[in-house]
Amino acid sequence: MKLTKRQLIASIACTAAAISISSAQAQNKWDLASAYAAGNFHTKLLGEFASEVDKASQGKLKITVHANASLFKAPEIKRAVQG
């Protein structure tokens, strides 16, 4: 099947529109692991960081800080985030 130039342009335009609509509505979430207790200054600073990122991204990136090694044990965090 051979596409005409008009069909190709129309399909590219539709694809671009669909991508822009879906990305405009997308909200990214980040689960941030902390090995320290919620009252520890490291975790408090991570909470402030999460708040600043939320403001700077206008709510497009939400960071949830998980204290007390609730996602991963302390020695496992580095390996877990490396993929």
C-alpha atoms as a PDB file:
ATOM      1  CA  MET A   1       0.000   0.000   0.000  1.00  0.00           C
ATOM      2  CA  LYS A   2       1.442   3.313  -1.046  1.00  0.00           C
ATOM      3  CA  LEU A   3       0.636   6.434   0.967  1.00  0.00           C
ATOM      4  CA  THR A   4       0.113   9.695  -0.794  1.00  0.00           C
ATOM      5  CA  LYS A   5       1.883  12.769   0.478  1.00  0.00           C
ATOM      6  CA  ARG A   6      -1.425  14.121   1.797  1.00  0.00           C
ATOM      7  CA  GLN A   7      -2.181  10.894   3.707  1.00  0.00           C
ATOM      8  CA  LEU A   8       1.302  10.859   5.201  1.00  0.00           C
ATOM      9  CA  ILE A   9       1.036  14.462   6.397  1.00  0.00           C
ATOM     10  CA  ALA A  10      -2.438  13.818   7.836  1.00  0.00           C
ATOM     11  CA  SER A  11      -1.288  10.729   9.735  1.00  0.00           C
ATOM     12  CA  ILE A  12       1.757  12.559  11.139  1.00  0.00           C
ATOM     13  CA  ALA A  13      -0.439  15.470  12.238  1.00  0.00           C
ATOM     14  CA  CYS A  14      -2.919  13.132  13.949  1.00  0.00           C
ATOM     15  CA  THR A  15      -0.136  11.263  15.723  1.00  0.00           C
ATOM     16  CA  ALA A  16       1.473  14.501  16.906  1.00  0.00           C
ATOM     17  CA  ALA A  17      -1.871  15.785  18.180  1.00  0.00           C
ATOM     18  CA  ALA A  18      -2.558  12.555  20.059  1.00  0.00           C
ATOM     19  CA  ILE A  19       0.882  12.603  21.674  1.00  0.00           C
ATOM     20  CA  SER A  20       0.596  16.235  22.740  1.00  0.00           C
ATOM     21  CA  ILE A  21      -2.857  15.684  24.232  1.00  0.00           C
ATOM     22  CA  SER A  22      -1.773  12.620  26.210  1.00  0.00           C
ATOM     23  CA  SER A  23       1.442  14.219  27.442  1.00  0.00           C
ATOM     24  CA  ALA A  24      -0.375  17.379  28.490  1.00  0.00           C
ATOM     25  CA  GLN A  25      -2.605  15.320  30.760  1.00  0.00           C
ATOM     26  CA  ALA A  26       0.128  13.048  32.075  1.00  0.00           C
ATOM     27  CA  GLN A  27       1.284  13.347  35.646  1.00  0.00           C
ATOM     28  CA  ASN A  28       4.489  11.641  36.633  1.00  0.00           C
ATOM     29  CA  LYS A  29       4.901  10.076  40.045  1.00  0.00           C
ATOM     30  CA  TRP A  30       8.157   9.292  41.783  1.00  0.00           C
ATOM     31  CA  ASP A  31       8.460   7.093  44.868  1.00  0.00           C
ATOM     32  CA  LEU A  32      11.572   8.299  46.691  1.00  0.00           C
ATOM     33  CA  ALA A  33      13.085   5.828  49.124  1.00  0.00           C
ATOM     34  CA  SER A  34      14.760   7.088  52.291  1.00  0.00           C
ATOM     35  CA  ALA A  35      16.536   4.822  54.727  1.00  0.00           C
ATOM     36  CA  TYR A  36      16.103   7.307  57.568  1.00  0.00           C
ATOM     37  CA  ALA A  37      13.240   7.988  59.980  1.00  0.00           C
ATOM     38  CA  ALA A  38      10.650  10.624  59.100  1.00  0.00           C
ATOM     39  CA  GLY A  39      12.037  12.973  61.766  1.00  0.00           C
ATOM     40  CA  ASN A  40      15.619  12.722  60.521  1.00  0.00           C
ATOM     41  CA  PHE A  41      16.978  15.823  58.787  1.00  0.00           C
ATOM     42  CA  HIS A  42      17.774  13.827  55.616  1.00  0.00           C
ATOM     43  CA  THR A  43      14.156  12.787  55.217  1.00  0.00           C
ATOM     44  CA  LYS A  44      12.871  16.243  56.152  1.00  0.00           C
ATOM     45  CA  LEU A  45      15.045  17.771  53.419  1.00  0.00           C
ATOM     46  CA  LEU A  46      13.772  15.184  50.933  1.00  0.00           C
ATOM     47  CA  GLY A  47      10.236  16.271  51.829  1.00  0.00           C
ATOM     48  CA  GLU A  48      11.142  19.905  51.184  1.00  0.00           C
ATOM     49  CA  PHE A  49      12.741  18.879  47.890  1.00  0.00           C
ATOM     50  CA  ALA A  50       9.551  17.034  46.897  1.00  0.00           C
ATOM     51  CA  SER A  51       7.492  20.110  47.704  1.00  0.00           C
ATOM     52  CA  GLU A  52       9.759  22.398  45.654  1.00  0.00           C
ATOM     53  CA  VAL A  53       9.676  20.023  42.672  1.00  0.00           C
ATOM     54  CA  ASP A  54       5.877  19.934  42.860  1.00  0.00           C
ATOM     55  CA  LYS A  55       5.759  23.742  42.752  1.00  0.00           C
ATOM     56  CA  ALA A  56       8.388  24.082  40.012  1.00  0.00           C
ATOM     57  CA  SER A  57       6.710  21.472  37.800  1.00  0.00           C
ATOM     58  CA  GLN A  58       3.260  22.962  38.452  1.00  0.00           C
ATOM     59  CA  GLY A  59       2.080  19.612  39.795  1.00  0.00           C
ATOM     60  CA  LYS A  60       3.285  17.571  36.811  1.00  0.00           C
ATOM     61  CA  LEU A  61       5.771  15.652  38.952  1.00  0.00           C
ATOM     62  CA  LYS A  62       4.654  14.340  42.322  1.00  0.00           C
ATOM     63  CA  ILE A  63       7.319  12.920  44.620  1.00  0.00           C
ATOM     64  CA  THR A  64       6.278  10.720  47.526  1.00  0.00           C
ATOM     65  CA  VAL A  65       8.989  10.298  50.157  1.00  0.00           C
ATOM     66  CA  HIS A  66       8.956   6.888  51.859  1.00  0.00           C
ATOM     67  CA  ALA A  67      10.837   7.033  55.176  1.00  0.00           C
ATOM     68  CA  ASN A  68      12.223   4.269  57.418  1.00  0.00           C
ATOM     69  CA  ALA A  69      13.358   2.094  54.506  1.00  0.00           C
ATOM     70  CA  SER A  70       9.723   1.226  53.849  1.00  0.00           C
ATOM     71  CA  LEU A  71      10.300   0.599  50.123  1.00  0.00           C
ATOM     72  CA  PHE A  72      13.725  -1.018  50.283  1.00  0.00           C
ATOM     73  CA  LYS A  73      16.173  -1.815  53.051  1.00  0.00           C
ATOM     74  CA  ALA A  74      18.976   0.750  53.312  1.00  0.00           C
ATOM     75  CA  PRO A  75      21.676  -1.360  51.589  1.00  0.00           C
ATOM     76  CA  GLU A  76      19.271  -2.214  48.727  1.00  0.00           C
ATOM     77  CA  ILE A  77      18.256   1.351  47.775  1.00  0.00           C
ATOM     78  CA  LYS A  78      21.206   2.075  45.479  1.00  0.00           C
ATOM     79  CA  ARG A  79      20.800  -1.158  43.539  1.00  0.00           C
ATOM     80  CA  ALA A  80      17.016  -0.747  43.360  1.00  0.00           C
ATOM     81  CA  VAL A  81      17.202   2.662  41.707  1.00  0.00           C
ATOM     82  CA  GLN A  82      19.861   1.563  39.239  1.00  0.00           C
ATOM     83  CA  GLY A  83      17.263  -0.586  37.541  1.00  0.00           C
END
